[in-house]
Amino acid sequence: MSVTPRDAAPTGGIDYVAEEESARYVELKRRHRSFVWPLTIAFLVWYFAYVLLSSFATEFMATKVWGDITIGLLLGLGQFVTTFAITMGYVSYANRRLDPLTAEIREDLERQEAAL
């Protein structure tokens, strides 16, 4: 007979497996993934495009835009700007869409724990 995580849960304790399967937790994971995965894919495409351009389109990347400022330098700095923009966007999204649901789940679990 194999032991599943549900079978191993302490008697009278909080059933974390059931909580993980609850509609609220599933919704929290869905919200998180719907934001993170598209941005991850977009950033990786942008990053690898930059790497490939710098490797195989050196003349294009060396094109001067203004003085000694090249397209490669601007695109490289764009990587940093994009990283900060994604971070700020995620923080904003998490504050609006993830944190309220997380707080609700946490409060419910804390109430259950206090009742034990």
C-alpha atoms as a PDB file:
ATOM      1  CA  MET A   1       0.000   0.000   0.000  1.00  0.00           C
ATOM      2  CA  SER A   2       1.486   3.332  -1.032  1.00  0.00           C
ATOM      3  CA  VAL A   3       1.285   6.398   1.167  1.00  0.00           C
ATOM      4  CA  THR A   4      -0.029   9.557  -0.456  1.00  0.00           C
ATOM      5  CA  PRO A   5       0.558  13.048   0.970  1.00  0.00           C
ATOM      6  CA  ARG A   6      -3.079  13.162   2.023  1.00  0.00           C
ATOM      7  CA  ASP A   7      -2.679   9.921   4.002  1.00  0.00           C
ATOM      8  CA  ALA A   8       0.415  11.341   5.714  1.00  0.00           C
ATOM      9  CA  ALA A   9      -1.360  14.506   6.940  1.00  0.00           C
ATOM     10  CA  PRO A  10      -1.552  14.739  10.727  1.00  0.00           C
ATOM     11  CA  THR A  11      -4.915  13.924  12.235  1.00  0.00           C
ATOM     12  CA  GLY A  12      -6.827  17.044  13.230  1.00  0.00           C
ATOM     13  CA  GLY A  13      -4.358  19.330  11.438  1.00  0.00           C
ATOM     14  CA  ILE A  14      -4.903  21.593   8.501  1.00  0.00           C
ATOM     15  CA  ASP A  15      -5.331  19.694   5.253  1.00  0.00           C
ATOM     16  CA  TYR A  16      -2.895  21.623   3.058  1.00  0.00           C
ATOM     17  CA  VAL A  17      -3.432  19.300   0.103  1.00  0.00           C
ATOM     18  CA  ALA A  18      -7.153  20.115   0.156  1.00  0.00           C
ATOM     19  CA  GLU A  19      -6.284  23.810   0.411  1.00  0.00           C
ATOM     20  CA  GLU A  20      -3.987  23.514  -2.583  1.00  0.00           C
ATOM     21  CA  GLU A  21      -6.833  21.914  -4.527  1.00  0.00           C
ATOM     22  CA  SER A  22      -9.350  24.566  -3.455  1.00  0.00           C
ATOM     23  CA  ALA A  23     -10.901  26.938  -5.984  1.00  0.00           C
ATOM     24  CA  ARG A  24      -9.220  29.978  -4.399  1.00  0.00           C
ATOM     25  CA  TYR A  25      -5.727  28.485  -4.589  1.00  0.00           C
ATOM     26  CA  VAL A  26      -6.261  27.227  -8.132  1.00  0.00           C
ATOM     27  CA  GLU A  27      -7.416  30.733  -9.104  1.00  0.00           C
ATOM     28  CA  LEU A  28      -4.332  32.240  -7.447  1.00  0.00           C
ATOM     29  CA  LYS A  29      -2.049  29.937  -9.431  1.00  0.00           C
ATOM     30  CA  ARG A  30      -3.975  30.696 -12.648  1.00  0.00           C
ATOM     31  CA  ARG A  31      -3.636  34.464 -12.121  1.00  0.00           C
ATOM     32  CA  HIS A  32       0.069  34.142 -11.389  1.00  0.00           C
ATOM     33  CA  ARG A  33       0.790  31.952 -14.392  1.00  0.00           C
ATOM     34  CA  SER A  34      -1.305  34.064 -16.765  1.00  0.00           C
ATOM     35  CA  PHE A  35       0.939  37.026 -15.979  1.00  0.00           C
ATOM     36  CA  VAL A  36       4.328  35.349 -15.592  1.00  0.00           C
ATOM     37  CA  TRP A  37       4.460  32.958 -18.542  1.00  0.00           C
ATOM     38  CA  PRO A  38       3.643  35.407 -21.355  1.00  0.00           C
ATOM     39  CA  LEU A  39       6.149  37.934 -19.998  1.00  0.00           C
ATOM     40  CA  THR A  40       8.800  35.258 -19.524  1.00  0.00           C
ATOM     41  CA  ILE A  41       8.396  34.087 -23.106  1.00  0.00           C
ATOM     42  CA  ALA A  42       8.380  37.653 -24.466  1.00  0.00           C
ATOM     43  CA  PHE A  43      11.500  38.599 -22.509  1.00  0.00           C
ATOM     44  CA  LEU A  44      13.371  35.458 -23.558  1.00  0.00           C
ATOM     45  CA  VAL A  45      12.541  36.136 -27.217  1.00  0.00           C
ATOM     46  CA  TRP A  46      13.732  39.737 -26.796  1.00  0.00           C
ATOM     47  CA  TYR A  47      16.908  38.601 -24.993  1.00  0.00           C
ATOM     48  CA  PHE A  48      17.831  35.921 -27.543  1.00  0.00           C
ATOM     49  CA  ALA A  49      17.095  38.323 -30.401  1.00  0.00           C
ATOM     50  CA  TYR A  50      19.622  40.704 -28.847  1.00  0.00           C
ATOM     51  CA  VAL A  51      22.211  37.929 -28.425  1.00  0.00           C
ATOM     52  CA  LEU A  52      21.713  36.695 -31.974  1.00  0.00           C
ATOM     53  CA  LEU A  53      21.892  40.208 -33.409  1.00  0.00           C
ATOM     54  CA  SER A  54      25.085  40.918 -31.510  1.00  0.00           C
ATOM     55  CA  SER A  55      26.578  37.648 -32.768  1.00  0.00           C
ATOM     56  CA  PHE A  56      25.437  37.592 -36.383  1.00  0.00           C
ATOM     57  CA  ALA A  57      24.497  41.178 -37.281  1.00  0.00           C
ATOM     58  CA  THR A  58      27.564  42.988 -36.028  1.00  0.00           C
ATOM     59  CA  GLU A  59      27.432  45.676 -38.712  1.00  0.00           C
ATOM     60  CA  PHE A  60      23.824  46.470 -37.833  1.00  0.00           C
ATOM     61  CA  MET A  61      24.608  46.574 -34.122  1.00  0.00           C
ATOM     62  CA  ALA A  62      27.620  48.833 -34.807  1.00  0.00           C
ATOM     63  CA  THR A  63      25.471  51.363 -36.667  1.00  0.00           C
ATOM     64  CA  LYS A  64      25.970  54.746 -35.021  1.00  0.00           C
ATOM     65  CA  VAL A  65      22.820  56.538 -33.964  1.00  0.00           C
ATOM     66  CA  TRP A  66      24.283  59.634 -32.334  1.00  0.00           C
ATOM     67  CA  GLY A  67      27.965  60.272 -31.759  1.00  0.00           C
ATOM     68  CA  ASP A  68      29.475  57.033 -30.407  1.00  0.00           C
ATOM     69  CA  ILE A  69      26.046  55.647 -29.406  1.00  0.00           C
ATOM     70  CA  THR A  70      25.270  52.522 -31.452  1.00  0.00           C
ATOM     71  CA  ILE A  71      22.156  50.458 -32.000  1.00  0.00           C
ATOM     72  CA  GLY A  72      23.817  47.628 -30.031  1.00  0.00           C
ATOM     73  CA  LEU A  73      24.380  49.883 -27.052  1.00  0.00           C
ATOM     74  CA  LEU A  74      20.786  51.114 -27.125  1.00  0.00           C
ATOM     75  CA  LEU A  75      19.433  47.577 -27.392  1.00  0.00           C
ATOM     76  CA  GLY A  76      21.728  46.451 -24.566  1.00  0.00           C
ATOM     77  CA  LEU A  77      20.499  49.257 -22.335  1.00  0.00           C
ATOM     78  CA  GLY A  78      16.991  48.322 -23.422  1.00  0.00           C
ATOM     79  CA  GLN A  79      17.538  44.935 -21.772  1.00  0.00           C
ATOM     80  CA  PHE A  80      17.998  46.668 -18.416  1.00  0.00           C
ATOM     81  CA  VAL A  81      15.033  48.964 -18.981  1.00  0.00           C
ATOM     82  CA  THR A  82      12.854  45.993 -19.901  1.00  0.00           C
ATOM     83  CA  THR A  83      13.917  44.112 -16.776  1.00  0.00           C
ATOM     84  CA  PHE A  84      12.960  47.028 -14.530  1.00  0.00           C
ATOM     85  CA  ALA A  85       9.677  47.549 -16.417  1.00  0.00           C
ATOM     86  CA  ILE A  86       8.746  43.880 -16.017  1.00  0.00           C
ATOM     87  CA  THR A  87       9.591  44.031 -12.310  1.00  0.00           C
ATOM     88  CA  MET A  88       7.487  47.141 -11.760  1.00  0.00           C
ATOM     89  CA  GLY A  89       4.635  45.643 -13.778  1.00  0.00           C
ATOM     90  CA  TYR A  90       4.742  42.431 -11.768  1.00  0.00           C
ATOM     91  CA  VAL A  91       4.763  44.279  -8.445  1.00  0.00           C
ATOM     92  CA  SER A  92       1.768  46.329  -9.554  1.00  0.00           C
ATOM     93  CA  TYR A  93      -0.068  43.236 -10.806  1.00  0.00           C
ATOM     94  CA  ALA A  94       0.727  41.281  -7.633  1.00  0.00           C
ATOM     95  CA  ASN A  95      -0.477  44.133  -5.429  1.00  0.00           C
ATOM     96  CA  ARG A  96      -3.785  44.345  -7.306  1.00  0.00           C
ATOM     97  CA  ARG A  97      -4.567  40.744  -8.315  1.00  0.00           C
ATOM     98  CA  LEU A  98      -2.483  38.306  -6.263  1.00  0.00           C
ATOM     99  CA  ASP A  99      -1.980  39.806  -2.808  1.00  0.00           C
ATOM    100  CA  PRO A 100      -5.672  40.225  -1.920  1.00  0.00           C
ATOM    101  CA  LEU A 101      -6.393  36.575  -2.721  1.00  0.00           C
ATOM    102  CA  THR A 102      -3.212  35.459  -0.950  1.00  0.00           C
ATOM    103  CA  ALA A 103      -4.204  37.423   2.163  1.00  0.00           C
ATOM    104  CA  GLU A 104      -7.653  35.828   2.082  1.00  0.00           C
ATOM    105  CA  ILE A 105      -6.160  32.320   1.902  1.00  0.00           C
ATOM    106  CA  ARG A 106      -3.619  33.108   4.646  1.00  0.00           C
ATOM    107  CA  GLU A 107      -6.285  34.528   6.983  1.00  0.00           C
ATOM    108  CA  ASP A 108      -8.451  31.462   6.490  1.00  0.00           C
ATOM    109  CA  LEU A 109      -5.525  29.144   7.253  1.00  0.00           C
ATOM    110  CA  GLU A 110      -4.589  31.176  10.325  1.00  0.00           C
ATOM    111  CA  ARG A 111      -8.187  30.921  11.577  1.00  0.00           C
ATOM    112  CA  GLN A 112      -8.109  27.156  11.055  1.00  0.00           C
ATOM    113  CA  GLU A 113      -4.783  26.905  12.896  1.00  0.00           C
ATOM    114  CA  ALA A 114      -6.063  29.001  15.821  1.00  0.00           C
ATOM    115  CA  ALA A 115      -9.112  26.740  16.102  1.00  0.00           C
ATOM    116  CA  LEU A 116      -6.920  23.640  16.601  1.00  0.00           C
END
